[in-house]
Amino acid sequence: MRPRHDPRSHIILTAWLCPGCDVAGRSAPENEPECWNCGGPVVVTARPAVPVAEPAAGSPVNS
């Protein structure tokens, strides 16, 4: 069973890892994930539902 989230207070981000740079990050759902360090392709590791206010406080979010 999939956990439910409230779309008014949560968004689903894309969490990823760049194997070449060995860095991780999160991207907003409307952005295609890419490494913030090298701009290269990444491996998506999760799609967490997080509170709308959290992205600014966590890992870098691509804009």
Protein backbone atom coordinates (compact mmCIF):
# COMPACT_ATOMS: atom_id res chain seq x y z
CA MET A 1 0.00 0.00 0.00
CA ARG A 2 1.34 3.44 -0.94
CA PRO A 3 1.42 6.11 1.76
CA ARG A 4 -0.93 8.98 1.06
CA HIS A 5 0.13 12.59 1.18
CA ASP A 6 -1.84 15.80 1.10
CA PRO A 7 -1.02 17.56 -2.21
CA ARG A 8 -1.85 20.92 -0.61
CA SER A 9 0.90 20.60 2.01
CA HIS A 10 3.37 18.15 0.42
CA ILE A 11 5.25 17.88 -2.87
CA ILE A 12 7.02 14.87 -4.33
CA LEU A 13 10.70 15.61 -4.95
CA THR A 14 13.23 13.58 -6.88
CA ALA A 15 16.18 12.48 -4.73
CA TRP A 16 19.26 11.52 -6.74
CA LEU A 17 22.95 10.59 -6.65
CA CYS A 18 25.64 11.56 -9.17
CA PRO A 19 28.04 8.58 -9.46
CA GLY A 20 30.76 10.68 -11.14
CA CYS A 21 30.87 13.41 -8.49
CA ASP A 22 29.74 11.30 -5.54
CA VAL A 23 27.24 14.01 -4.53
CA ALA A 24 23.50 13.86 -3.93
CA GLY A 25 20.63 16.29 -4.26
CA ARG A 26 16.93 16.78 -4.70
CA SER A 27 15.03 18.30 -7.61
CA ALA A 28 11.59 19.81 -7.73
CA PRO A 29 9.00 17.71 -9.59
CA GLU A 30 8.82 20.13 -12.54
CA ASN A 31 12.60 19.99 -13.14
CA GLU A 32 14.52 17.22 -14.89
CA PRO A 33 17.07 15.95 -12.34
CA GLU A 34 20.70 16.73 -13.10
CA CYS A 35 23.83 17.03 -10.98
CA TRP A 36 24.21 20.46 -9.38
CA ASN A 37 28.01 19.99 -9.42
CA CYS A 38 28.75 18.83 -12.99
CA GLY A 39 25.37 19.18 -14.74
CA GLY A 40 25.57 15.54 -15.79
CA PRO A 41 23.14 12.63 -15.56
CA VAL A 42 22.12 11.26 -12.17
CA VAL A 43 20.67 8.07 -10.68
CA VAL A 44 17.24 8.63 -9.10
CA THR A 45 17.21 7.04 -5.65
CA ALA A 46 13.79 8.07 -4.29
CA ARG A 47 10.73 10.23 -4.82
CA PRO A 48 9.85 11.37 -1.26
CA ALA A 49 6.77 13.38 -0.35
CA VAL A 50 8.00 16.28 1.77
CA PRO A 51 6.27 19.25 3.39
CA VAL A 52 6.09 22.23 1.03
CA ALA A 53 8.35 24.36 3.27
CA GLU A 54 11.14 21.73 3.60
CA PRO A 55 13.09 21.97 0.27
CA ALA A 56 14.80 25.26 1.20
CA ALA A 57 16.03 23.73 4.48
CA GLY A 58 17.32 20.43 3.08
CA SER A 59 19.66 19.41 0.28
CA PRO A 60 20.06 21.70 -2.75
CA VAL A 61 17.04 21.84 -5.00
CA ASN A 62 17.68 22.58 -8.64
CA SER A 63 15.88 25.66 -9.87
